[in-house]
Amino acid sequence: MLDQAQSKAWQTLIISSHPLFGKGLHKILGTLPNHKVQVVGIVPDIEHALKFLENSQPDLVILDCDDEDGNKQTIWKHFVEGDRRLRIVLLSLKEGGSQAVVYDRRILSASEIDAWL
């Protein structure tokens, strides 16, 4: 999956209940050199994301995790433990939110683990 991801744009879904944040992130991602990211959707919550995922297969999900109403168990169940091979990035705009958490599900052979680490 890594080689494929390096040769094509990441099909990306943004989940944010803050419209300005979602649109701003979309604009920032559009400025990346070599068009490495293509935003295929911006949805306001997990329920809309699940409906979106019924018809689409993005490579990457960016989740604004500032939403106090967000159901963390639903996020975990569908994006981290589910059958799909998705990469998910959790972002926070809260104070001290200078880091992103990346969950990257992939299956590697024993010989590929060192290169990945």
N, C-alpha and C. Protein backbone atom coordinates (compact mmCIF):
# COMPACT_ATOMS: atom_id res chain seq x y z
N MET A 1 0.82 -1.19 0.00
CA MET A 1 0.00 0.00 0.00
C MET A 1 0.86 1.25 0.00
N LEU A 2 2.01 1.20 0.65
CA LEU A 2 2.86 2.37 0.73
C LEU A 2 3.34 2.80 -0.65
N ASP A 3 3.80 1.87 -1.49
CA ASP A 3 4.27 2.22 -2.82
C ASP A 3 3.15 2.84 -3.64
N GLN A 4 1.96 2.28 -3.55
CA GLN A 4 0.82 2.81 -4.28
C GLN A 4 0.50 4.22 -3.79
N ALA A 5 0.57 4.44 -2.49
CA ALA A 5 0.26 5.74 -1.92
C ALA A 5 1.26 6.79 -2.37
N GLN A 6 2.52 6.40 -2.57
CA GLN A 6 3.53 7.36 -3.00
C GLN A 6 3.34 7.75 -4.45
N SER A 7 2.70 6.91 -5.27
CA SER A 7 2.57 7.19 -6.68
C SER A 7 1.26 7.86 -7.05
N LYS A 8 0.29 7.89 -6.16
CA LYS A 8 -0.99 8.53 -6.46
C LYS A 8 -1.40 9.41 -5.29
N ALA A 9 -2.37 10.26 -5.57
CA ALA A 9 -2.86 11.15 -4.50
C ALA A 9 -3.65 10.34 -3.48
N TRP A 10 -3.51 10.71 -2.22
CA TRP A 10 -4.29 10.08 -1.15
C TRP A 10 -5.72 10.59 -1.27
N GLN A 11 -6.67 9.69 -1.45
CA GLN A 11 -8.09 10.03 -1.44
C GLN A 11 -8.47 10.26 0.01
N THR A 12 -8.89 11.48 0.35
CA THR A 12 -9.00 11.89 1.75
C THR A 12 -10.40 12.36 2.10
N LEU A 13 -10.89 11.89 3.24
CA LEU A 13 -12.16 12.32 3.81
C LEU A 13 -11.86 13.13 5.06
N ILE A 14 -12.45 14.32 5.16
CA ILE A 14 -12.29 15.17 6.34
C ILE A 14 -13.59 15.11 7.14
N ILE A 15 -13.46 14.85 8.45
CA ILE A 15 -14.61 14.84 9.35
C ILE A 15 -14.41 15.96 10.36
N SER A 16 -15.27 16.97 10.29
CA SER A 16 -15.16 18.08 11.24
C SER A 16 -16.52 18.75 11.40
N SER A 17 -16.91 18.97 12.64
CA SER A 17 -18.17 19.67 12.90
C SER A 17 -17.97 21.18 12.79
N HIS A 18 -16.75 21.61 12.55
CA HIS A 18 -16.43 23.03 12.38
C HIS A 18 -16.22 23.31 10.89
N PRO A 19 -17.21 23.88 10.19
CA PRO A 19 -17.10 24.08 8.74
C PRO A 19 -15.86 24.86 8.31
N LEU A 20 -15.51 25.89 9.06
CA LEU A 20 -14.35 26.69 8.70
C LEU A 20 -13.06 25.86 8.78
N PHE A 21 -12.94 25.01 9.80
CA PHE A 21 -11.77 24.15 9.93
C PHE A 21 -11.69 23.17 8.74
N GLY A 22 -12.81 22.53 8.41
CA GLY A 22 -12.82 21.58 7.30
C GLY A 22 -12.44 22.23 5.98
N LYS A 23 -13.00 23.40 5.71
CA LYS A 23 -12.68 24.11 4.46
C LYS A 23 -11.24 24.59 4.45
N GLY A 24 -10.77 25.06 5.61
CA GLY A 24 -9.37 25.51 5.69
C GLY A 24 -8.39 24.37 5.48
N LEU A 25 -8.69 23.23 6.09
CA LEU A 25 -7.83 22.06 5.91
C LEU A 25 -7.83 21.62 4.45
N HIS A 26 -9.00 21.64 3.83
CA HIS A 26 -9.10 21.29 2.41
C HIS A 26 -8.21 22.21 1.57
N LYS A 27 -8.26 23.49 1.86
CA LYS A 27 -7.44 24.44 1.11
C LYS A 27 -5.95 24.20 1.33
N ILE A 28 -5.56 23.97 2.58
CA ILE A 28 -4.15 23.70 2.88
C ILE A 28 -3.68 22.44 2.16
N LEU A 29 -4.48 21.38 2.20
CA LEU A 29 -4.09 20.13 1.55
C LEU A 29 -3.97 20.30 0.04
N GLY A 30 -4.77 21.21 -0.53
CA GLY A 30 -4.70 21.47 -1.97
C GLY A 30 -3.44 22.18 -2.40
N THR A 31 -2.70 22.74 -1.44
CA THR A 31 -1.46 23.44 -1.77
C THR A 31 -0.23 22.52 -1.70
N LEU A 32 -0.42 21.27 -1.31
CA LEU A 32 0.73 20.37 -1.22
C LEU A 32 1.34 20.15 -2.60
N PRO A 33 2.66 20.12 -2.66
CA PRO A 33 3.31 19.90 -3.95
C PRO A 33 2.97 18.53 -4.53
N ASN A 34 2.93 18.45 -5.83
CA ASN A 34 2.70 17.21 -6.56
C ASN A 34 1.33 16.59 -6.30
N HIS A 35 0.40 17.38 -5.79
CA HIS A 35 -0.98 16.91 -5.58
C HIS A 35 -1.03 15.57 -4.86
N LYS A 36 -0.38 15.48 -3.71
CA LYS A 36 -0.31 14.23 -2.94
C LYS A 36 -1.62 13.88 -2.25
N VAL A 37 -2.51 14.86 -2.08
CA VAL A 37 -3.77 14.63 -1.38
C VAL A 37 -4.91 15.17 -2.22
N GLN A 38 -5.96 14.36 -2.36
CA GLN A 38 -7.18 14.79 -3.03
C GLN A 38 -8.33 14.63 -2.04
N VAL A 39 -8.92 15.74 -1.61
CA VAL A 39 -10.05 15.67 -0.69
C VAL A 39 -11.28 15.24 -1.47
N VAL A 40 -11.85 14.11 -1.07
CA VAL A 40 -13.02 13.56 -1.77
C VAL A 40 -14.31 13.84 -1.01
N GLY A 41 -14.20 14.39 0.20
CA GLY A 41 -15.40 14.72 0.95
C GLY A 41 -15.07 15.41 2.26
N ILE A 42 -16.01 16.27 2.67
CA ILE A 42 -15.95 16.90 3.99
C ILE A 42 -17.31 16.67 4.62
N VAL A 43 -17.33 16.00 5.76
CA VAL A 43 -18.60 15.69 6.44
C VAL A 43 -18.54 16.21 7.88
N PRO A 44 -19.72 16.50 8.47
CA PRO A 44 -19.73 17.13 9.79
C PRO A 44 -19.63 16.19 10.98
N ASP A 45 -19.84 14.88 10.78
CA ASP A 45 -19.84 13.98 11.93
C ASP A 45 -19.64 12.53 11.48
N ILE A 46 -19.53 11.66 12.48
CA ILE A 46 -19.27 10.24 12.22
C ILE A 46 -20.40 9.59 11.43
N GLU A 47 -21.64 9.93 11.75
CA GLU A 47 -22.78 9.33 11.05
C GLU A 47 -22.72 9.63 9.55
N HIS A 48 -22.41 10.88 9.20
CA HIS A 48 -22.27 11.23 7.78
C HIS A 48 -21.06 10.54 7.17
N ALA A 49 -20.00 10.39 7.95
CA ALA A 49 -18.81 9.70 7.45
C ALA A 49 -19.12 8.25 7.11
N LEU A 50 -19.88 7.59 7.97
CA LEU A 50 -20.22 6.18 7.71
C LEU A 50 -21.07 6.05 6.44
N LYS A 51 -21.98 6.98 6.22
CA LYS A 51 -22.78 6.97 4.99
C LYS A 51 -21.89 7.21 3.78
N PHE A 52 -20.95 8.14 3.91
CA PHE A 52 -20.01 8.44 2.83
C PHE A 52 -19.19 7.21 2.49
N LEU A 53 -18.75 6.48 3.52
CA LEU A 53 -17.89 5.32 3.32
C LEU A 53 -18.62 4.14 2.68
N GLU A 54 -19.96 4.16 2.67
CA GLU A 54 -20.71 3.10 2.00
C GLU A 54 -20.45 3.11 0.50
N ASN A 55 -20.17 4.30 -0.05
CA ASN A 55 -20.00 4.45 -1.50
C ASN A 55 -18.61 4.88 -1.91
N SER A 56 -17.73 5.07 -0.97
CA SER A 56 -16.41 5.59 -1.29
C SER A 56 -15.35 4.83 -0.49
N GLN A 57 -14.15 4.78 -1.01
CA GLN A 57 -13.05 4.07 -0.37
C GLN A 57 -11.84 4.99 -0.22
N PRO A 58 -11.93 6.01 0.65
CA PRO A 58 -10.77 6.88 0.81
C PRO A 58 -9.60 6.13 1.44
N ASP A 59 -8.40 6.63 1.18
CA ASP A 59 -7.19 6.05 1.77
C ASP A 59 -6.91 6.64 3.15
N LEU A 60 -7.41 7.85 3.36
CA LEU A 60 -7.06 8.60 4.55
C LEU A 60 -8.31 9.29 5.10
N VAL A 61 -8.48 9.25 6.42
CA VAL A 61 -9.55 9.98 7.11
C VAL A 61 -8.88 10.93 8.09
N ILE A 62 -9.22 12.21 7.97
CA ILE A 62 -8.73 13.21 8.92
C ILE A 62 -9.90 13.60 9.80
N LEU A 63 -9.75 13.38 11.10
CA LEU A 63 -10.84 13.60 12.05
C LEU A 63 -10.48 14.72 13.01
N ASP A 64 -11.32 15.75 13.03
CA ASP A 64 -11.21 16.83 14.00
C ASP A 64 -11.77 16.28 15.30
N CYS A 65 -10.90 15.98 16.24
CA CYS A 65 -11.34 15.32 17.47
C CYS A 65 -11.67 16.30 18.58
N ASP A 66 -11.88 17.58 18.25
CA ASP A 66 -12.31 18.57 19.24
C ASP A 66 -13.79 18.46 19.54
N ASP A 67 -14.53 17.80 18.70
CA ASP A 67 -15.98 17.73 18.85
C ASP A 67 -16.33 17.00 20.14
N GLU A 68 -16.92 17.72 21.07
CA GLU A 68 -17.27 17.14 22.37
C GLU A 68 -18.36 16.08 22.24
N ASP A 69 -19.17 16.16 21.17
CA ASP A 69 -20.24 15.19 20.98
C ASP A 69 -19.74 13.92 20.29
N GLY A 70 -18.48 13.92 19.86
CA GLY A 70 -17.95 12.77 19.13
C GLY A 70 -17.96 11.51 19.97
N ASN A 71 -18.38 10.42 19.38
CA ASN A 71 -18.43 9.15 20.06
C ASN A 71 -17.13 8.41 19.78
N LYS A 72 -16.21 8.42 20.72
CA LYS A 72 -14.89 7.83 20.52
C LYS A 72 -14.95 6.33 20.27
N GLN A 73 -15.92 5.63 20.87
CA GLN A 73 -16.04 4.19 20.63
C GLN A 73 -16.46 3.92 19.19
N THR A 74 -17.35 4.73 18.65
CA THR A 74 -17.77 4.57 17.25
C THR A 74 -16.59 4.82 16.33
N ILE A 75 -15.82 5.84 16.61
CA ILE A 75 -14.63 6.13 15.81
C ILE A 75 -13.69 4.94 15.82
N TRP A 76 -13.41 4.44 17.01
CA TRP A 76 -12.48 3.31 17.13
C TRP A 76 -13.01 2.09 16.37
N LYS A 77 -14.28 1.78 16.57
CA LYS A 77 -14.87 0.58 15.97
C LYS A 77 -14.81 0.62 14.45
N HIS A 78 -15.16 1.73 13.86
CA HIS A 78 -15.27 1.79 12.40
C HIS A 78 -13.98 2.15 11.69
N PHE A 79 -13.11 2.91 12.33
CA PHE A 79 -11.93 3.36 11.63
C PHE A 79 -10.65 2.66 12.04
N VAL A 80 -10.58 2.18 13.25
CA VAL A 80 -9.34 1.55 13.70
C VAL A 80 -9.47 0.03 13.74
N GLU A 81 -10.60 -0.49 14.24
CA GLU A 81 -10.77 -1.94 14.34
C GLU A 81 -11.48 -2.56 13.15
N GLY A 82 -12.08 -1.77 12.29
CA GLY A 82 -12.90 -2.28 11.20
C GLY A 82 -12.10 -3.02 10.15
N ASP A 83 -12.80 -3.53 9.15
CA ASP A 83 -12.19 -4.33 8.09
C ASP A 83 -11.44 -3.50 7.06
N ARG A 84 -11.76 -2.24 6.94
CA ARG A 84 -11.13 -1.41 5.92
C ARG A 84 -9.70 -1.06 6.31
N ARG A 85 -8.87 -0.94 5.32
CA ARG A 85 -7.48 -0.55 5.55
C ARG A 85 -7.39 0.96 5.37
N LEU A 86 -7.71 1.68 6.41
CA LEU A 86 -7.69 3.13 6.38
C LEU A 86 -6.56 3.67 7.24
N ARG A 87 -6.05 4.78 6.84
CA ARG A 87 -5.14 5.53 7.70
C ARG A 87 -5.98 6.67 8.27
N ILE A 88 -5.92 6.88 9.57
CA ILE A 88 -6.70 7.94 10.19
C ILE A 88 -5.77 8.87 10.94
N VAL A 89 -6.02 10.16 10.79
CA VAL A 89 -5.27 11.19 11.49
C VAL A 89 -6.25 11.91 12.40
N LEU A 90 -5.94 11.97 13.70
CA LEU A 90 -6.75 12.69 14.66
C LEU A 90 -6.09 14.05 14.91
N LEU A 91 -6.84 15.12 14.67
CA LEU A 91 -6.32 16.47 14.87
C LEU A 91 -7.10 17.15 15.97
N SER A 92 -6.44 18.07 16.65
CA SER A 92 -7.10 18.84 17.69
C SER A 92 -6.67 20.30 17.57
N LEU A 93 -7.64 21.20 17.66
CA LEU A 93 -7.34 22.63 17.66
C LEU A 93 -7.25 23.19 19.07
N LYS A 94 -7.48 22.35 20.05
CA LYS A 94 -7.44 22.81 21.44
C LYS A 94 -6.04 23.27 21.80
N GLU A 95 -5.95 24.04 22.88
CA GLU A 95 -4.66 24.53 23.34
C GLU A 95 -3.71 23.35 23.52
N GLY A 96 -2.53 23.51 23.00
CA GLY A 96 -1.55 22.43 23.08
C GLY A 96 -1.73 21.41 21.96
N GLY A 97 -2.62 21.67 21.01
CA GLY A 97 -2.89 20.73 19.93
C GLY A 97 -1.92 20.87 18.78
N SER A 98 -0.64 20.86 19.08
CA SER A 98 0.37 21.04 18.05
C SER A 98 0.80 19.72 17.42
N GLN A 99 0.21 18.62 17.85
CA GLN A 99 0.57 17.32 17.30
C GLN A 99 -0.66 16.63 16.73
N ALA A 100 -0.43 15.73 15.81
CA ALA A 100 -1.50 14.89 15.26
C ALA A 100 -1.19 13.45 15.61
N VAL A 101 -2.23 12.66 15.82
CA VAL A 101 -2.08 11.23 16.09
C VAL A 101 -2.45 10.50 14.81
N VAL A 102 -1.60 9.61 14.35
CA VAL A 102 -1.84 8.87 13.11
C VAL A 102 -1.99 7.40 13.44
N TYR A 103 -3.12 6.82 13.03
CA TYR A 103 -3.32 5.38 13.12
C TYR A 103 -3.15 4.84 11.72
N ASP A 104 -2.19 3.96 11.54
CA ASP A 104 -1.87 3.44 10.22
C ASP A 104 -1.97 1.93 10.26
N ARG A 105 -3.06 1.38 9.73
CA ARG A 105 -3.24 -0.06 9.72
C ARG A 105 -2.63 -0.63 8.46
N ARG A 106 -1.71 -1.54 8.63
CA ARG A 106 -1.16 -2.22 7.47
C ARG A 106 -0.65 -3.58 7.90
N ILE A 107 -0.59 -4.47 6.95
CA ILE A 107 -0.08 -5.81 7.20
C ILE A 107 1.30 -5.88 6.57
N LEU A 108 2.26 -6.26 7.38
CA LEU A 108 3.64 -6.34 6.91
C LEU A 108 4.20 -7.72 7.16
N SER A 109 5.09 -8.11 6.27
CA SER A 109 5.82 -9.35 6.52
C SER A 109 6.92 -9.02 7.52
N ALA A 110 7.50 -10.04 8.11
CA ALA A 110 8.54 -9.83 9.11
C ALA A 110 9.72 -9.05 8.52
N SER A 111 10.04 -9.28 7.26
CA SER A 111 11.17 -8.59 6.64
C SER A 111 10.87 -7.12 6.36
N GLU A 112 9.61 -6.73 6.32
CA GLU A 112 9.25 -5.33 6.04
C GLU A 112 9.17 -4.48 7.31
N ILE A 113 9.14 -5.09 8.47
CA ILE A 113 8.94 -4.35 9.72
C ILE A 113 10.08 -3.37 9.98
N ASP A 114 11.33 -3.78 9.79
CA ASP A 114 12.45 -2.90 10.04
C ASP A 114 12.39 -1.65 9.16
N ALA A 115 12.05 -1.82 7.89
CA ALA A 115 11.96 -0.67 6.99
C ALA A 115 10.84 0.27 7.42
N TRP A 116 9.74 -0.27 7.91
CA TRP A 116 8.61 0.55 8.35
C TRP A 116 8.97 1.33 9.60
N LEU A 117 9.68 0.68 10.53
CA LEU A 117 10.06 1.34 11.79
C LEU A 117 11.12 2.38 11.53
